[in-house]
């Protein structure tokens, strides 16, 4: 029988708990908002979160999958380099996608036009880029068989996100405020654990796996990128379309039902 000390087994348990806890606390977040926040704020906020998640999904470009594939066995220097390059590239590409969404917001989806104000645009940028960076950190922890830190990050994200509506429930921007706040706390938690994980990597390159070829890394990332887009893109676009077609009130009801179903 496998022991809980087995890295692969404990990693799997941590990921299972992460999915269960994140889903439960995420559902609780939307139920809480449905009870204490205006329905228009919930419907508009759901579309904003979907748009930011969409930007992060496109921007991460499969780098998270490449980290999971190539970081195990790398020496400390190479692992740090892979993480840094993936994080910078993902955040940069996400920022480009955000810029495109903000330019098109008022034209393609008039309901998202408020995002074009400077303060809202900066918040939206931080939301999308923070999501992208968090996913890269999660991938690195998974690659290092330290998914317990992924669990810790997501618990911190969910708990911090839950506290914000209790303070600013009446605000129309309650969701765009709560989400980045939770992300900021969770990324700080992940960064606090990162040096501990990196210290487990061998310093001597002689005992580490050979450096992967760039072509192999790009090809592997691209395959997973296409798979992720095909899996998650429809669910992220739907709340935006519902907001534009039926309004914020209808989108609030749709998103709660969608969250239950998925």
C-alpha atoms as a PDB file:
ATOM      1  CA  UNK A   1       0.000   0.000   0.000  1.00  0.00           C
ATOM      2  CA  UNK A   2       1.241   3.462  -0.862  1.00  0.00           C
ATOM      3  CA  UNK A   3       2.332   5.620   2.000  1.00  0.00           C
ATOM      4  CA  UNK A   4       1.252   9.208   2.458  1.00  0.00           C
ATOM      5  CA  UNK A   5       4.982   9.985   2.409  1.00  0.00           C
ATOM      6  CA  UNK A   6       5.179   8.894  -1.204  1.00  0.00           C
ATOM      7  CA  UNK A   7       5.596  12.168  -3.149  1.00  0.00           C
ATOM      8  CA  UNK A   8       3.317  11.219  -6.028  1.00  0.00           C
ATOM      9  CA  UNK A   9       0.589   9.937  -3.732  1.00  0.00           C
ATOM     10  CA  UNK A  10       0.682  12.938  -1.376  1.00  0.00           C
ATOM     11  CA  UNK A  11       0.742  15.269  -4.386  1.00  0.00           C
ATOM     12  CA  UNK A  12      -2.414  13.616  -5.714  1.00  0.00           C
ATOM     13  CA  UNK A  13      -4.151  13.872  -2.349  1.00  0.00           C
ATOM     14  CA  UNK A  14      -3.245  17.561  -2.094  1.00  0.00           C
ATOM     15  CA  UNK A  15      -4.615  18.242  -5.581  1.00  0.00           C
ATOM     16  CA  UNK A  16      -7.818  16.374  -4.771  1.00  0.00           C
ATOM     17  CA  UNK A  17      -8.271  18.422  -1.607  1.00  0.00           C
ATOM     18  CA  UNK A  18      -7.435  21.569  -3.556  1.00  0.00           C
ATOM     19  CA  UNK A  19     -10.233  20.900  -6.051  1.00  0.00           C
ATOM     20  CA  UNK A  20     -12.742  20.076  -3.327  1.00  0.00           C
ATOM     21  CA  UNK A  21     -11.910  23.022  -1.058  1.00  0.00           C
ATOM     22  CA  UNK A  22     -11.651  25.535  -3.925  1.00  0.00           C
ATOM     23  CA  UNK A  23     -14.988  24.433  -5.362  1.00  0.00           C
ATOM     24  CA  UNK A  24     -16.736  24.566  -1.981  1.00  0.00           C
ATOM     25  CA  UNK A  25     -15.348  27.960  -0.972  1.00  0.00           C
ATOM     26  CA  UNK A  26     -15.864  29.356  -4.475  1.00  0.00           C
ATOM     27  CA  UNK A  27     -19.505  28.319  -4.419  1.00  0.00           C
ATOM     28  CA  UNK A  28     -19.877  29.822  -0.945  1.00  0.00           C
ATOM     29  CA  UNK A  29     -18.447  33.100  -2.284  1.00  0.00           C
ATOM     30  CA  UNK A  30     -21.088  33.388  -5.001  1.00  0.00           C
ATOM     31  CA  UNK A  31     -23.906  32.331  -2.655  1.00  0.00           C
ATOM     32  CA  UNK A  32     -22.798  34.980  -0.156  1.00  0.00           C
ATOM     33  CA  UNK A  33     -22.761  37.612  -2.875  1.00  0.00           C
ATOM     34  CA  UNK A  34     -26.208  36.549  -4.047  1.00  0.00           C
ATOM     35  CA  UNK A  35     -27.540  37.244  -0.558  1.00  0.00           C
ATOM     36  CA  UNK A  36     -25.812  40.516   0.337  1.00  0.00           C
ATOM     37  CA  UNK A  37     -24.768  42.217  -2.930  1.00  0.00           C
ATOM     38  CA  UNK A  38     -26.909  43.817  -5.660  1.00  0.00           C
ATOM     39  CA  UNK A  39     -27.713  41.366  -8.438  1.00  0.00           C
ATOM     40  CA  UNK A  40     -26.347  43.743 -11.066  1.00  0.00           C
ATOM     41  CA  UNK A  41     -23.010  43.837  -9.248  1.00  0.00           C
ATOM     42  CA  UNK A  42     -22.915  40.042  -9.177  1.00  0.00           C
ATOM     43  CA  UNK A  43     -23.801  39.682 -12.860  1.00  0.00           C
ATOM     44  CA  UNK A  44     -21.354  42.322 -14.039  1.00  0.00           C
ATOM     45  CA  UNK A  45     -18.622  41.052 -11.730  1.00  0.00           C
ATOM     46  CA  UNK A  46     -19.037  37.485 -12.982  1.00  0.00           C
ATOM     47  CA  UNK A  47     -18.475  38.688 -16.547  1.00  0.00           C
ATOM     48  CA  UNK A  48     -15.403  40.681 -15.502  1.00  0.00           C
ATOM     49  CA  UNK A  49     -13.894  37.671 -13.733  1.00  0.00           C
ATOM     50  CA  UNK A  50     -14.630  35.492 -16.763  1.00  0.00           C
ATOM     51  CA  UNK A  51     -12.992  38.023 -19.073  1.00  0.00           C
ATOM     52  CA  UNK A  52      -9.903  38.261 -16.847  1.00  0.00           C
ATOM     53  CA  UNK A  53      -9.666  34.483 -16.569  1.00  0.00           C
ATOM     54  CA  UNK A  54     -10.004  34.256 -20.335  1.00  0.00           C
ATOM     55  CA  UNK A  55      -7.109  36.697 -20.749  1.00  0.00           C
ATOM     56  CA  UNK A  56      -4.990  34.669 -18.334  1.00  0.00           C
ATOM     57  CA  UNK A  57      -5.887  31.406 -20.074  1.00  0.00           C
ATOM     58  CA  UNK A  58      -4.787  32.790 -23.437  1.00  0.00           C
ATOM     59  CA  UNK A  59      -1.748  34.532 -21.967  1.00  0.00           C
ATOM     60  CA  UNK A  60      -0.239  31.598 -20.097  1.00  0.00           C
ATOM     61  CA  UNK A  61       0.256  29.921 -23.486  1.00  0.00           C
ATOM     62  CA  UNK A  62       0.842  26.437 -22.080  1.00  0.00           C
ATOM     63  CA  UNK A  63       3.879  27.489 -20.021  1.00  0.00           C
ATOM     64  CA  UNK A  64       2.362  25.884 -16.926  1.00  0.00           C
ATOM     65  CA  UNK A  65       2.265  22.506 -18.672  1.00  0.00           C
ATOM     66  CA  UNK A  66       5.873  22.951 -19.818  1.00  0.00           C
ATOM     67  CA  UNK A  67       6.941  23.582 -16.222  1.00  0.00           C
ATOM     68  CA  UNK A  68       5.221  20.413 -15.021  1.00  0.00           C
ATOM     69  CA  UNK A  69       6.961  18.487 -17.806  1.00  0.00           C
ATOM     70  CA  UNK A  70      10.502  19.881 -17.550  1.00  0.00           C
ATOM     71  CA  UNK A  71      11.034  21.269 -14.022  1.00  0.00           C
ATOM     72  CA  UNK A  72      11.250  17.867 -12.256  1.00  0.00           C
ATOM     73  CA  UNK A  73      14.859  16.707 -12.205  1.00  0.00           C
ATOM     74  CA  UNK A  74      16.268  20.127 -13.082  1.00  0.00           C
ATOM     75  CA  UNK A  75      18.983  21.617 -10.909  1.00  0.00           C
ATOM     76  CA  UNK A  76      18.197  24.668  -8.802  1.00  0.00           C
ATOM     77  CA  UNK A  77      19.517  27.184 -11.336  1.00  0.00           C
ATOM     78  CA  UNK A  78      17.593  25.690 -14.267  1.00  0.00           C
ATOM     79  CA  UNK A  79      14.388  25.268 -12.233  1.00  0.00           C
ATOM     80  CA  UNK A  80      14.555  28.903 -11.120  1.00  0.00           C
ATOM     81  CA  UNK A  81      15.195  30.002 -14.710  1.00  0.00           C
ATOM     82  CA  UNK A  82      12.269  27.965 -16.054  1.00  0.00           C
ATOM     83  CA  UNK A  83       9.940  29.422 -13.430  1.00  0.00           C
ATOM     84  CA  UNK A  84      11.091  33.006 -13.962  1.00  0.00           C
ATOM     85  CA  UNK A  85      10.910  32.839 -17.765  1.00  0.00           C
ATOM     86  CA  UNK A  86       7.491  31.180 -17.716  1.00  0.00           C
ATOM     87  CA  UNK A  87       6.088  33.694 -15.219  1.00  0.00           C
ATOM     88  CA  UNK A  88       7.413  36.742 -17.076  1.00  0.00           C
ATOM     89  CA  UNK A  89       6.258  35.434 -20.476  1.00  0.00           C
ATOM     90  CA  UNK A  90       2.800  34.477 -19.190  1.00  0.00           C
ATOM     91  CA  UNK A  91       2.238  37.815 -17.450  1.00  0.00           C
ATOM     92  CA  UNK A  92       3.507  39.740 -20.489  1.00  0.00           C
ATOM     93  CA  UNK A  93       1.253  37.864 -22.918  1.00  0.00           C
ATOM     94  CA  UNK A  94      -1.687  38.201 -20.531  1.00  0.00           C
ATOM     95  CA  UNK A  95      -1.135  41.959 -20.388  1.00  0.00           C
ATOM     96  CA  UNK A  96      -1.291  42.096 -24.201  1.00  0.00           C
ATOM     97  CA  UNK A  97      -4.578  40.167 -24.209  1.00  0.00           C
ATOM     98  CA  UNK A  98      -5.935  42.493 -21.506  1.00  0.00           C
ATOM     99  CA  UNK A  99      -5.061  45.523 -23.633  1.00  0.00           C
ATOM    100  CA  UNK A 100      -6.971  44.033 -26.570  1.00  0.00           C
ATOM    101  CA  UNK A 101      -9.999  43.243 -24.393  1.00  0.00           C
ATOM    102  CA  UNK A 102     -10.032  46.774 -22.964  1.00  0.00           C
ATOM    103  CA  UNK A 103      -9.876  48.303 -26.445  1.00  0.00           C
ATOM    104  CA  UNK A 104     -12.740  46.108 -27.638  1.00  0.00           C
ATOM    105  CA  UNK A 105     -14.809  46.328 -24.431  1.00  0.00           C
ATOM    106  CA  UNK A 106     -16.820  49.389 -25.321  1.00  0.00           C
ATOM    107  CA  UNK A 107     -17.306  48.350 -28.941  1.00  0.00           C
ATOM    108  CA  UNK A 108     -17.909  44.591 -28.764  1.00  0.00           C
ATOM    109  CA  UNK A 109     -19.505  44.298 -25.316  1.00  0.00           C
ATOM    110  CA  UNK A 110     -20.910  47.681 -24.241  1.00  0.00           C
ATOM    111  CA  UNK A 111     -21.742  46.290 -20.793  1.00  0.00           C
ATOM    112  CA  UNK A 112     -17.992  45.982 -20.134  1.00  0.00           C
ATOM    113  CA  UNK A 113     -17.366  49.610 -21.124  1.00  0.00           C
ATOM    114  CA  UNK A 114     -16.771  50.714 -17.471  1.00  0.00           C
ATOM    115  CA  UNK A 115     -13.511  48.752 -17.634  1.00  0.00           C
ATOM    116  CA  UNK A 116     -12.124  51.444 -19.911  1.00  0.00           C
ATOM    117  CA  UNK A 117     -11.843  53.933 -17.053  1.00  0.00           C
ATOM    118  CA  UNK A 118      -8.207  54.158 -15.807  1.00  0.00           C
ATOM    119  CA  UNK A 119      -8.831  52.766 -12.312  1.00  0.00           C
ATOM    120  CA  UNK A 120     -11.017  49.895 -13.554  1.00  0.00           C
ATOM    121  CA  UNK A 121      -8.552  49.106 -16.340  1.00  0.00           C
ATOM    122  CA  UNK A 122      -5.654  48.861 -13.900  1.00  0.00           C
ATOM    123  CA  UNK A 123      -7.710  46.627 -11.613  1.00  0.00           C
ATOM    124  CA  UNK A 124      -8.657  44.403 -14.533  1.00  0.00           C
ATOM    125  CA  UNK A 125      -5.009  44.189 -15.615  1.00  0.00           C
ATOM    126  CA  UNK A 126      -3.926  43.166 -12.098  1.00  0.00           C
ATOM    127  CA  UNK A 127      -6.737  40.616 -11.900  1.00  0.00           C
ATOM    128  CA  UNK A 128      -5.777  38.912 -15.177  1.00  0.00           C
ATOM    129  CA  UNK A 129      -2.002  39.050 -14.654  1.00  0.00           C
ATOM    130  CA  UNK A 130      -2.344  37.880 -11.050  1.00  0.00           C
ATOM    131  CA  UNK A 131      -4.371  34.888 -12.217  1.00  0.00           C
ATOM    132  CA  UNK A 132      -1.732  34.015 -14.809  1.00  0.00           C
ATOM    133  CA  UNK A 133       1.116  34.299 -12.290  1.00  0.00           C
ATOM    134  CA  UNK A 134      -0.774  32.192  -9.744  1.00  0.00           C
ATOM    135  CA  UNK A 135      -1.287  29.413 -12.287  1.00  0.00           C
ATOM    136  CA  UNK A 136       2.439  29.356 -13.093  1.00  0.00           C
ATOM    137  CA  UNK A 137       3.296  29.094  -9.394  1.00  0.00           C
ATOM    138  CA  UNK A 138       0.755  26.298  -8.949  1.00  0.00           C
ATOM    139  CA  UNK A 139       2.312  24.397 -11.860  1.00  0.00           C
ATOM    140  CA  UNK A 140       5.766  24.704 -10.315  1.00  0.00           C
ATOM    141  CA  UNK A 141       4.573  23.384  -6.957  1.00  0.00           C
ATOM    142  CA  UNK A 142       2.881  20.458  -8.701  1.00  0.00           C
ATOM    143  CA  UNK A 143       6.051  19.721 -10.673  1.00  0.00           C
ATOM    144  CA  UNK A 144       8.057  19.698  -7.454  1.00  0.00           C
ATOM    145  CA  UNK A 145       5.553  17.308  -5.813  1.00  0.00           C
ATOM    146  CA  UNK A 146       4.697  20.085  -3.369  1.00  0.00           C
ATOM    147  CA  UNK A 147       1.045  20.514  -4.306  1.00  0.00           C
ATOM    148  CA  UNK A 148       0.279  21.110  -0.637  1.00  0.00           C
ATOM    149  CA  UNK A 149       1.481  24.670  -1.308  1.00  0.00           C
ATOM    150  CA  UNK A 150      -0.961  24.923  -4.194  1.00  0.00           C
ATOM    151  CA  UNK A 151      -3.646  23.916  -1.715  1.00  0.00           C
ATOM    152  CA  UNK A 152      -2.400  26.534   0.759  1.00  0.00           C
ATOM    153  CA  UNK A 153      -2.399  29.238  -1.921  1.00  0.00           C
ATOM    154  CA  UNK A 154      -5.935  28.474  -3.062  1.00  0.00           C
ATOM    155  CA  UNK A 155      -7.265  28.309   0.497  1.00  0.00           C
ATOM    156  CA  UNK A 156      -5.701  31.723   1.170  1.00  0.00           C
ATOM    157  CA  UNK A 157      -7.236  33.037  -2.060  1.00  0.00           C
ATOM    158  CA  UNK A 158     -10.710  31.730  -1.249  1.00  0.00           C
ATOM    159  CA  UNK A 159     -10.734  32.880   2.369  1.00  0.00           C
ATOM    160  CA  UNK A 160      -9.416  36.375   1.582  1.00  0.00           C
ATOM    161  CA  UNK A 161     -11.918  36.661  -1.275  1.00  0.00           C
ATOM    162  CA  UNK A 162     -14.758  35.737   1.094  1.00  0.00           C
ATOM    163  CA  UNK A 163     -13.883  38.479   3.565  1.00  0.00           C
ATOM    164  CA  UNK A 164     -14.080  41.367   1.096  1.00  0.00           C
ATOM    165  CA  UNK A 165     -17.871  41.212   0.438  1.00  0.00           C
ATOM    166  CA  UNK A 166     -18.453  41.583   4.163  1.00  0.00           C
ATOM    167  CA  UNK A 167     -16.704  44.970   3.978  1.00  0.00           C
ATOM    168  CA  UNK A 168     -17.843  46.359   0.601  1.00  0.00           C
ATOM    169  CA  UNK A 169     -20.968  44.357  -0.220  1.00  0.00           C
ATOM    170  CA  UNK A 170     -22.879  47.437  -1.367  1.00  0.00           C
ATOM    171  CA  UNK A 171     -20.254  48.388  -3.960  1.00  0.00           C
ATOM    172  CA  UNK A 172     -20.965  47.756  -7.641  1.00  0.00           C
ATOM    173  CA  UNK A 173     -17.310  46.710  -7.936  1.00  0.00           C
ATOM    174  CA  UNK A 174     -17.423  44.180  -5.089  1.00  0.00           C
ATOM    175  CA  UNK A 175     -16.365  41.235  -7.296  1.00  0.00           C
ATOM    176  CA  UNK A 176     -13.505  43.042  -9.098  1.00  0.00           C
ATOM    177  CA  UNK A 177     -12.277  44.191  -5.678  1.00  0.00           C
ATOM    178  CA  UNK A 178     -12.603  40.823  -3.922  1.00  0.00           C
ATOM    179  CA  UNK A 179     -10.943  38.744  -6.640  1.00  0.00           C
ATOM    180  CA  UNK A 180      -7.659  40.714  -6.946  1.00  0.00           C
ATOM    181  CA  UNK A 181      -7.480  41.043  -3.166  1.00  0.00           C
ATOM    182  CA  UNK A 182      -7.689  37.274  -2.788  1.00  0.00           C
ATOM    183  CA  UNK A 183      -5.143  36.789  -5.563  1.00  0.00           C
ATOM    184  CA  UNK A 184      -2.703  39.222  -3.946  1.00  0.00           C
ATOM    185  CA  UNK A 185      -2.868  37.387  -0.620  1.00  0.00           C
ATOM    186  CA  UNK A 186      -2.554  33.984  -2.268  1.00  0.00           C
ATOM    187  CA  UNK A 187       0.437  34.951  -4.436  1.00  0.00           C
ATOM    188  CA  UNK A 188       2.204  36.302  -1.352  1.00  0.00           C
ATOM    189  CA  UNK A 189       1.556  32.978   0.387  1.00  0.00           C
ATOM    190  CA  UNK A 190       2.960  31.094  -2.616  1.00  0.00           C
ATOM    191  CA  UNK A 191       6.049  33.313  -2.786  1.00  0.00           C
ATOM    192  CA  UNK A 192       6.665  32.710   0.919  1.00  0.00           C
ATOM    193  CA  UNK A 193       6.824  28.950   0.271  1.00  0.00           C
ATOM    194  CA  UNK A 194       8.821  29.198  -2.960  1.00  0.00           C
ATOM    195  CA  UNK A 195      12.346  29.427  -1.436  1.00  0.00           C
ATOM    196  CA  UNK A 196      11.650  26.290   0.615  1.00  0.00           C
ATOM    197  CA  UNK A 197      10.731  24.377  -2.536  1.00  0.00           C
ATOM    198  CA  UNK A 198      13.734  25.663  -4.489  1.00  0.00           C
ATOM    199  CA  UNK A 199      16.100  24.565  -1.719  1.00  0.00           C
ATOM    200  CA  UNK A 200      15.130  20.944  -2.431  1.00  0.00           C
ATOM    201  CA  UNK A 201      16.611  21.182  -5.951  1.00  0.00           C
ATOM    202  CA  UNK A 202      20.179  19.865  -6.428  1.00  0.00           C
ATOM    203  CA  UNK A 203      22.768  22.601  -6.861  1.00  0.00           C
ATOM    204  CA  UNK A 204      25.137  20.502  -8.968  1.00  0.00           C
ATOM    205  CA  UNK A 205      24.023  20.330 -12.622  1.00  0.00           C
ATOM    206  CA  UNK A 206      25.918  17.046 -12.998  1.00  0.00           C
ATOM    207  CA  UNK A 207      23.277  15.249 -10.973  1.00  0.00           C
ATOM    208  CA  UNK A 208      20.328  16.861 -12.718  1.00  0.00           C
ATOM    209  CA  UNK A 209      18.413  16.055 -15.867  1.00  0.00           C
ATOM    210  CA  UNK A 210      19.733  17.521 -19.150  1.00  0.00           C
ATOM    211  CA  UNK A 211      18.421  20.899 -20.220  1.00  0.00           C
ATOM    212  CA  UNK A 212      15.436  20.492 -22.577  1.00  0.00           C
ATOM    213  CA  UNK A 213      15.651  21.804 -26.118  1.00  0.00           C
ATOM    214  CA  UNK A 214      13.675  24.968 -26.714  1.00  0.00           C
ATOM    215  CA  UNK A 215      11.838  23.409 -29.655  1.00  0.00           C
ATOM    216  CA  UNK A 216      10.667  20.496 -27.496  1.00  0.00           C
ATOM    217  CA  UNK A 217       9.473  22.819 -24.745  1.00  0.00           C
ATOM    218  CA  UNK A 218       7.557  25.084 -27.123  1.00  0.00           C
ATOM    219  CA  UNK A 219       5.951  22.098 -28.876  1.00  0.00           C
ATOM    220  CA  UNK A 220       4.843  20.512 -25.609  1.00  0.00           C
ATOM    221  CA  UNK A 221       3.439  23.822 -24.340  1.00  0.00           C
ATOM    222  CA  UNK A 222       1.569  24.434 -27.608  1.00  0.00           C
ATOM    223  CA  UNK A 223      -0.178  21.054 -27.528  1.00  0.00           C
ATOM    224  CA  UNK A 224      -1.412  21.586 -23.982  1.00  0.00           C
ATOM    225  CA  UNK A 225      -2.350  25.169 -24.808  1.00  0.00           C
ATOM    226  CA  UNK A 226      -4.726  24.067 -27.561  1.00  0.00           C
ATOM    227  CA  UNK A 227      -6.229  21.442 -25.249  1.00  0.00           C
ATOM    228  CA  UNK A 228      -6.820  23.959 -22.444  1.00  0.00           C
ATOM    229  CA  UNK A 229      -8.384  26.490 -24.780  1.00  0.00           C
ATOM    230  CA  UNK A 230     -10.782  23.951 -26.233  1.00  0.00           C
ATOM    231  CA  UNK A 231     -11.781  22.787 -22.749  1.00  0.00           C
ATOM    232  CA  UNK A 232     -12.256  26.081 -20.908  1.00  0.00           C
ATOM    233  CA  UNK A 233     -12.870  28.753 -23.556  1.00  0.00           C
ATOM    234  CA  UNK A 234     -16.642  28.169 -24.015  1.00  0.00           C
ATOM    235  CA  UNK A 235     -17.374  28.372 -20.297  1.00  0.00           C
ATOM    236  CA  UNK A 236     -15.461  31.639 -19.957  1.00  0.00           C
ATOM    237  CA  UNK A 237     -17.071  33.308 -22.960  1.00  0.00           C
ATOM    238  CA  UNK A 238     -20.657  32.417 -21.988  1.00  0.00           C
ATOM    239  CA  UNK A 239     -21.015  34.830 -19.014  1.00  0.00           C
ATOM    240  CA  UNK A 240     -19.746  37.681 -21.198  1.00  0.00           C
ATOM    241  CA  UNK A 241     -22.237  36.855 -23.936  1.00  0.00           C
ATOM    242  CA  UNK A 242     -25.117  36.536 -21.460  1.00  0.00           C
ATOM    243  CA  UNK A 243     -24.233  39.892 -19.917  1.00  0.00           C
ATOM    244  CA  UNK A 244     -24.238  41.562 -23.320  1.00  0.00           C
ATOM    245  CA  UNK A 245     -27.443  39.894 -24.523  1.00  0.00           C
ATOM    246  CA  UNK A 246     -29.601  39.804 -21.389  1.00  0.00           C
ATOM    247  CA  UNK A 247     -28.057  42.224 -18.887  1.00  0.00           C
ATOM    248  CA  UNK A 248     -26.445  41.984 -15.467  1.00  0.00           C
ATOM    249  CA  UNK A 249     -29.496  40.676 -13.556  1.00  0.00           C
ATOM    250  CA  UNK A 250     -29.959  37.744 -15.927  1.00  0.00           C
ATOM    251  CA  UNK A 251     -26.237  37.050 -15.924  1.00  0.00           C
ATOM    252  CA  UNK A 252     -26.223  36.857 -12.136  1.00  0.00           C
ATOM    253  CA  UNK A 253     -28.865  34.127 -12.189  1.00  0.00           C
ATOM    254  CA  UNK A 254     -27.147  32.360 -15.074  1.00  0.00           C
ATOM    255  CA  UNK A 255     -23.741  32.390 -13.398  1.00  0.00           C
ATOM    256  CA  UNK A 256     -24.985  30.901 -10.135  1.00  0.00           C
ATOM    257  CA  UNK A 257     -26.678  28.086 -12.095  1.00  0.00           C
ATOM    258  CA  UNK A 258     -23.560  27.674 -14.249  1.00  0.00           C
ATOM    259  CA  UNK A 259     -21.365  27.433 -11.142  1.00  0.00           C
ATOM    260  CA  UNK A 260     -23.635  24.725  -9.721  1.00  0.00           C
ATOM    261  CA  UNK A 261     -23.602  22.763 -12.977  1.00  0.00           C
ATOM    262  CA  UNK A 262     -19.863  22.906 -13.530  1.00  0.00           C
END
